[in-house]
């Protein structure tokens, strides 16, 4: 394939929801990128927003870069070279994420998209995620005056190294599986309380929950709730299974662990974490992963104590402020 010239390609700018063809092309690109990288190119919430389009709280802006026929890679099976997504809040702040097809990397695709975004909307108020924090992403951020402001660690535990303690629940607390059609409101209330200061998890809505429950990976049996004798939800461990794709084996995920304020300090969080890991191991999964903020010292200490080690890292970038 001859060198491509994305600086000459037109950028399609779409405000609001995507049409069926563009959404299909974006999903195909994301699948190819994840098979190549072993990591998703976009955060899960951004993928949910791409499917849903605008809402009362957020607006969507997508920039798509298609390779002309003469520059397309016949082996890729599609010609969407890359796309950028901005999820913008009502106050004008927003989050930028970019995905580039493996066949078109290191050719200036992301730079072309950011340049088009700067011309069409501007970069004011935008932060950006780099999933995997590749050197090319760090260089691109620096060129536009962005610097790291948050590190999200991906940690992993393998069955070969796992020596888990007993999951001892506080007295009067019981574990059961989430029941669709019954537990949604109670879980949302417990989640809001547990993650009141978390920028993503604590803001989940019923629509966000319903979107995840509609995904192929959702399994209520792996959505563990800790309840008291009155049935009140005190905590939870929502697990997830990522199926095998390409050369990457299936892996379990500590998707979300939360404890309501009334039950914090009782050891429930550790007990829930261990119970969920055991559940994933019992499914035959050889490895379990999770995400945690690098500066969340109690969580990092807990996970390291269970045998997790840092595996990868996502980095959030924001404009460098003078002074």
Protein backbone atom coordinates (compact mmCIF):
# COMPACT_ATOMS: atom_id res chain seq x y z
CA UNK A 1 0.00 0.00 0.00
CA UNK A 2 1.41 3.40 -0.97
CA UNK A 3 1.71 6.17 1.62
CA UNK A 4 -1.65 7.79 2.36
CA UNK A 5 -2.26 11.53 2.46
CA UNK A 6 -4.97 12.13 5.09
CA UNK A 7 -4.16 15.84 5.17
CA UNK A 8 -5.91 16.03 1.77
CA UNK A 9 -8.95 13.93 2.69
CA UNK A 10 -12.28 15.64 3.49
CA UNK A 11 -13.60 15.24 7.03
CA UNK A 12 -17.26 14.41 7.52
CA UNK A 13 -18.66 16.40 10.49
CA UNK A 14 -21.86 15.03 12.07
CA UNK A 15 -23.73 16.66 14.92
CA UNK A 16 -26.15 14.47 16.87
CA UNK A 17 -26.87 10.81 16.24
CA UNK A 18 -25.12 8.81 13.51
CA UNK A 19 -26.89 7.24 10.57
CA UNK A 20 -26.88 3.46 10.33
CA UNK A 21 -24.01 3.24 7.84
CA UNK A 22 -21.64 5.51 9.74
CA UNK A 23 -22.45 3.76 13.02
CA UNK A 24 -21.77 0.40 11.34
CA UNK A 25 -18.45 1.67 9.97
CA UNK A 26 -17.43 3.05 13.37
CA UNK A 27 -18.22 -0.23 15.12
CA UNK A 28 -16.26 -2.19 12.51
CA UNK A 29 -13.26 0.09 13.02
CA UNK A 30 -13.50 -0.28 16.81
CA UNK A 31 -13.60 -4.07 16.49
CA UNK A 32 -10.52 -4.10 14.23
CA UNK A 33 -8.65 -1.80 16.59
CA UNK A 34 -9.47 -3.85 19.67
CA UNK A 35 -8.44 -7.08 17.94
CA UNK A 36 -5.11 -5.47 17.06
CA UNK A 37 -4.49 -3.74 20.40
CA UNK A 38 -6.21 -5.94 22.96
CA UNK A 39 -7.72 -2.71 24.33
CA UNK A 40 -10.81 -0.69 23.37
CA UNK A 41 -10.13 2.62 21.60
CA UNK A 42 -13.09 4.38 23.23
CA UNK A 43 -14.51 4.36 26.73
CA UNK A 44 -17.66 2.32 27.17
CA UNK A 45 -19.82 5.35 27.96
CA UNK A 46 -18.76 7.03 24.72
CA UNK A 47 -19.79 3.93 22.76
CA UNK A 48 -23.18 4.02 24.51
CA UNK A 49 -23.57 7.71 23.62
CA UNK A 50 -22.62 7.04 19.98
CA UNK A 51 -25.52 4.64 19.70
CA UNK A 52 -27.98 6.86 21.57
CA UNK A 53 -27.14 10.27 20.08
CA UNK A 54 -27.97 13.55 21.81
CA UNK A 55 -29.75 13.76 25.15
CA UNK A 56 -31.00 16.58 27.36
CA UNK A 57 -27.66 16.61 29.20
CA UNK A 58 -25.20 15.91 26.38
CA UNK A 59 -24.65 16.60 22.69
CA UNK A 60 -22.61 14.52 20.28
CA UNK A 61 -20.14 15.65 17.63
CA UNK A 62 -18.45 13.10 15.37
CA UNK A 63 -15.75 13.71 12.77
CA UNK A 64 -15.14 10.84 10.34
CA UNK A 65 -12.22 10.51 7.93
CA UNK A 66 -12.80 8.18 4.99
CA UNK A 67 -9.88 7.20 2.76
CA UNK A 68 -10.53 7.87 -0.94
CA UNK A 69 -10.62 4.77 -3.14
CA UNK A 70 -7.08 5.28 -4.41
CA UNK A 71 -5.73 5.36 -0.83
CA UNK A 72 -7.85 2.56 0.65
CA UNK A 73 -6.35 -0.67 1.91
CA UNK A 74 -8.17 -3.54 0.15
CA UNK A 75 -7.27 -5.94 2.99
CA UNK A 76 -9.06 -3.81 5.60
CA UNK A 77 -12.52 -4.50 4.20
CA UNK A 78 -13.58 -0.88 4.82
CA UNK A 79 -12.27 2.59 4.21
CA UNK A 80 -13.07 4.50 7.41
CA UNK A 81 -9.54 5.45 8.41
CA UNK A 82 -10.46 7.04 11.73
CA UNK A 83 -13.00 9.07 13.64
CA UNK A 84 -13.12 11.49 16.56
CA UNK A 85 -15.99 11.80 19.03
CA UNK A 86 -16.79 14.73 21.30
CA UNK A 87 -19.39 14.21 24.02
CA UNK A 88 -20.24 17.74 25.11
CA UNK A 89 -21.96 18.71 28.34
CA UNK A 90 -24.52 21.49 28.66
CA UNK A 91 -21.90 23.81 30.20
CA UNK A 92 -19.68 23.57 27.10
CA UNK A 93 -17.14 21.19 28.60
CA UNK A 94 -16.59 17.92 26.82
CA UNK A 95 -14.58 14.77 26.31
CA UNK A 96 -12.70 13.90 23.13
CA UNK A 97 -11.74 10.38 22.04
CA UNK A 98 -10.20 9.22 18.77
CA UNK A 99 -10.04 5.81 17.09
CA UNK A 100 -7.79 5.02 14.12
CA UNK A 101 -7.98 1.84 12.05
CA UNK A 102 -4.77 -0.25 12.38
CA UNK A 103 -4.23 -0.06 8.60
CA UNK A 104 -4.02 3.74 8.70
CA UNK A 105 -1.90 4.40 11.76
CA UNK A 106 1.27 6.49 11.79
CA UNK A 107 0.05 8.39 8.73
CA UNK A 108 -1.38 11.52 10.35
CA UNK A 109 -5.03 10.44 10.61
CA UNK A 110 -5.49 11.56 14.23
CA UNK A 111 -3.72 14.85 13.55
CA UNK A 112 -6.05 15.49 10.60
CA UNK A 113 -9.08 14.82 12.80
CA UNK A 114 -7.91 17.09 15.63
CA UNK A 115 -7.07 19.83 13.14
CA UNK A 116 -10.56 19.59 11.65
CA UNK A 117 -12.09 19.64 15.13
CA UNK A 118 -10.10 22.76 16.01
CA UNK A 119 -11.41 24.46 12.87
CA UNK A 120 -15.05 23.38 13.19
CA UNK A 121 -15.65 23.59 16.94
CA UNK A 122 -12.46 24.60 18.64
CA UNK A 123 -10.79 22.78 21.52
CA UNK A 124 -12.10 25.01 24.31
CA UNK A 125 -13.36 23.08 27.30
CA UNK A 126 -12.25 19.70 25.98
CA UNK A 127 -10.34 17.00 27.79
CA UNK A 128 -9.20 13.86 25.95
CA UNK A 129 -8.64 10.21 26.78
CA UNK A 130 -5.75 8.15 25.44
CA UNK A 131 -6.53 4.47 25.93
CA UNK A 132 -3.24 2.64 26.33
CA UNK A 133 -1.35 5.95 26.32
CA UNK A 134 0.60 5.23 23.17
CA UNK A 135 3.56 7.46 22.39
CA UNK A 136 1.80 8.80 19.29
CA UNK A 137 -1.11 9.99 21.43
CA UNK A 138 1.24 11.72 23.88
CA UNK A 139 3.00 13.48 21.00
CA UNK A 140 -0.31 14.57 19.47
CA UNK A 141 -1.51 15.94 22.83
CA UNK A 142 1.71 17.91 23.32
CA UNK A 143 1.42 19.48 19.85
CA UNK A 144 -1.95 20.91 20.78
CA UNK A 145 -0.88 22.11 24.22
CA UNK A 146 -2.35 19.26 26.27
CA UNK A 147 -0.75 17.55 29.29
CA UNK A 148 -1.70 14.52 31.47
CA UNK A 149 -4.15 15.26 34.30
CA UNK A 150 -5.41 11.79 35.26
CA UNK A 151 -4.10 8.23 35.09
CA UNK A 152 -6.45 5.27 35.03
CA UNK A 153 -4.62 2.05 35.70
CA UNK A 154 -5.60 -1.29 34.24
CA UNK A 155 -4.57 -4.03 36.67
CA UNK A 156 -4.60 -7.80 36.13
CA UNK A 157 -4.70 -10.92 38.27
CA UNK A 158 -4.01 -14.41 36.90
CA UNK A 159 -5.11 -17.69 38.41
CA UNK A 160 -1.46 -18.73 38.54
CA UNK A 161 -0.69 -15.96 41.05
CA UNK A 162 -4.03 -15.65 42.84
CA UNK A 163 -4.16 -16.59 46.52
CA UNK A 164 -7.44 -15.10 47.63
CA UNK A 165 -8.52 -14.68 51.25
CA UNK A 166 -11.91 -15.85 52.45
CA UNK A 167 -14.70 -13.47 51.51
CA UNK A 168 -16.17 -12.79 54.95
CA UNK A 169 -19.35 -10.76 54.80
CA UNK A 170 -20.36 -8.54 57.74
CA UNK A 171 -22.92 -10.07 60.06
CA UNK A 172 -26.45 -9.85 58.71
CA UNK A 173 -25.35 -9.20 55.11
CA UNK A 174 -26.12 -11.64 52.31
CA UNK A 175 -25.14 -11.99 48.66
CA UNK A 176 -27.61 -12.55 45.83
CA UNK A 177 -27.75 -11.98 42.10
CA UNK A 178 -29.27 -8.88 40.53
CA UNK A 179 -32.84 -9.42 39.33
CA UNK A 180 -33.74 -7.50 36.13
CA UNK A 181 -37.05 -5.71 36.43
CA UNK A 182 -36.76 -5.56 40.20
CA UNK A 183 -33.41 -4.13 41.31
CA UNK A 184 -32.69 -1.29 38.89
CA UNK A 185 -33.83 1.63 41.05
CA UNK A 186 -32.30 0.24 44.25
CA UNK A 187 -28.99 -0.36 42.51
CA UNK A 188 -28.94 3.11 40.95
CA UNK A 189 -29.51 4.67 44.39
CA UNK A 190 -26.73 2.57 45.94
CA UNK A 191 -24.39 3.38 43.04
CA UNK A 192 -25.01 7.12 43.32
CA UNK A 193 -24.28 7.02 47.04
CA UNK A 194 -21.18 4.84 46.70
CA UNK A 195 -19.68 6.91 43.86
CA UNK A 196 -20.91 10.38 44.76
CA UNK A 197 -17.51 11.89 43.89
CA UNK A 198 -16.64 9.70 40.89
CA UNK A 199 -16.87 11.57 37.55
CA UNK A 200 -18.20 8.65 35.49
CA UNK A 201 -19.60 5.84 37.62
CA UNK A 202 -21.56 8.07 39.98
CA UNK A 203 -23.44 9.78 37.16
CA UNK A 204 -24.95 6.63 35.64
CA UNK A 205 -28.62 6.99 34.73
CA UNK A 206 -31.38 4.46 34.17
CA UNK A 207 -30.80 4.82 30.44
CA UNK A 208 -27.09 4.03 30.95
CA UNK A 209 -27.98 0.96 33.01
CA UNK A 210 -30.58 -0.23 30.49
CA UNK A 211 -28.04 0.16 27.66
CA UNK A 212 -25.54 -2.07 29.47
CA UNK A 213 -28.20 -4.63 30.35
CA UNK A 214 -29.02 -4.84 26.62
CA UNK A 215 -25.43 -5.75 25.73
CA UNK A 216 -24.53 -9.34 24.86
CA UNK A 217 -22.07 -9.52 27.74
CA UNK A 218 -24.61 -8.70 30.46
CA UNK A 219 -25.28 -11.61 32.83
CA UNK A 220 -27.31 -10.95 35.99
CA UNK A 221 -25.76 -14.01 37.62
CA UNK A 222 -22.47 -12.12 37.73
CA UNK A 223 -24.05 -8.95 39.12
CA UNK A 224 -23.72 -9.58 42.86
CA UNK A 225 -25.69 -7.54 45.38
CA UNK A 226 -24.99 -7.37 49.12
CA UNK A 227 -28.26 -6.87 50.99
CA UNK A 228 -29.29 -6.71 54.62
CA UNK A 229 -32.17 -8.55 56.25
CA UNK A 230 -34.64 -5.93 55.00
CA UNK A 231 -33.44 -6.32 51.44
CA UNK A 232 -31.66 -2.94 51.32
CA UNK A 233 -28.74 -2.89 48.85
CA UNK A 234 -25.58 -2.10 50.82
CA UNK A 235 -23.05 -2.86 48.11
CA UNK A 236 -22.43 -4.68 44.87
CA UNK A 237 -19.85 -6.30 42.62
CA UNK A 238 -20.78 -6.17 38.96
CA UNK A 239 -18.56 -8.51 36.95
CA UNK A 240 -18.08 -8.65 33.21
CA UNK A 241 -16.66 -11.24 30.83
CA UNK A 242 -14.78 -10.11 27.71
CA UNK A 243 -14.99 -12.96 25.15
CA UNK A 244 -12.00 -14.21 23.24
CA UNK A 245 -11.19 -12.18 20.12
CA UNK A 246 -8.34 -12.88 17.76
CA UNK A 247 -5.26 -13.92 19.70
CA UNK A 248 -6.58 -12.39 22.92
CA UNK A 249 -8.13 -14.95 25.32
CA UNK A 250 -11.31 -14.34 27.27
CA UNK A 251 -10.80 -12.32 30.44
CA UNK A 252 -13.00 -11.41 33.39
CA UNK A 253 -13.39 -7.90 34.73
CA UNK A 254 -14.07 -6.40 38.12
CA UNK A 255 -16.48 -4.05 36.35
CA UNK A 256 -17.72 -2.09 39.36
CA UNK A 257 -17.50 -2.58 43.12
CA UNK A 258 -19.36 -0.16 45.36
CA UNK A 259 -20.34 0.10 49.00
CA UNK A 260 -23.03 2.45 50.32
CA UNK A 261 -21.78 4.96 52.93
CA UNK A 262 -23.72 3.23 55.71
CA UNK A 263 -21.72 0.02 55.18
CA UNK A 264 -18.28 1.50 54.55
CA UNK A 265 -15.55 0.51 56.98
CA UNK A 266 -17.10 -2.92 57.63
CA UNK A 267 -14.90 -4.91 55.24
CA UNK A 268 -17.77 -5.33 52.80
CA UNK A 269 -15.80 -3.88 49.87
CA UNK A 270 -13.01 -6.46 50.17
CA UNK A 271 -15.51 -9.29 50.67
CA UNK A 272 -17.45 -8.25 47.56
CA UNK A 273 -14.26 -7.95 45.53
CA UNK A 274 -13.13 -11.46 46.48
CA UNK A 275 -16.59 -12.94 45.90
CA UNK A 276 -16.72 -11.54 42.37
CA UNK A 277 -13.20 -12.73 41.52
CA UNK A 278 -14.09 -16.22 42.74
CA UNK A 279 -17.21 -16.11 40.58
CA UNK A 280 -15.11 -15.27 37.50
CA UNK A 281 -12.52 -17.94 38.33
CA UNK A 282 -15.33 -20.51 38.68
CA UNK A 283 -16.32 -19.70 35.09
CA UNK A 284 -12.88 -20.99 34.05
CA UNK A 285 -11.35 -17.60 33.29
CA UNK A 286 -7.59 -17.56 33.75
CA UNK A 287 -7.26 -13.81 34.23
CA UNK A 288 -9.24 -10.97 35.77
CA UNK A 289 -8.69 -7.26 35.13
CA UNK A 290 -9.97 -3.98 36.51
CA UNK A 291 -9.63 -0.22 36.19
CA UNK A 292 -8.73 2.09 39.05
CA UNK A 293 -7.47 5.65 39.36
CA UNK A 294 -3.74 5.68 40.00
CA UNK A 295 -4.17 8.20 42.84
CA UNK A 296 -6.79 6.10 44.65
CA UNK A 297 -4.28 4.76 47.18
CA UNK A 298 -6.75 2.62 49.23
CA UNK A 299 -8.06 0.87 46.10
CA UNK A 300 -4.58 0.31 44.65
CA UNK A 301 -3.42 -1.09 47.99
CA UNK A 302 -6.42 -3.42 48.20
CA UNK A 303 -5.95 -4.76 44.69
CA UNK A 304 -2.22 -5.20 45.08
CA UNK A 305 -2.87 -7.09 48.30
CA UNK A 306 -5.07 -9.49 46.33
CA UNK A 307 -2.32 -10.07 43.76
CA UNK A 308 -3.22 -7.59 41.02
CA UNK A 309 -0.38 -5.89 39.16
CA UNK A 310 -0.44 -2.90 36.83
CA UNK A 311 -0.92 -4.04 33.25
CA UNK A 312 -1.66 -0.93 31.20
CA UNK A 313 -2.74 2.67 31.64
CA UNK A 314 -5.24 5.13 30.17
CA UNK A 315 -4.38 8.81 30.44
CA UNK A 316 -6.64 11.84 30.38
CA UNK A 317 -5.18 15.01 28.86
CA UNK A 318 -6.29 18.60 29.36
CA UNK A 319 -5.02 21.96 28.07
CA UNK A 320 -1.99 23.33 29.88
CA UNK A 321 -2.93 26.49 31.74
CA UNK A 322 -0.52 29.39 31.92
CA UNK A 323 0.89 30.47 35.25
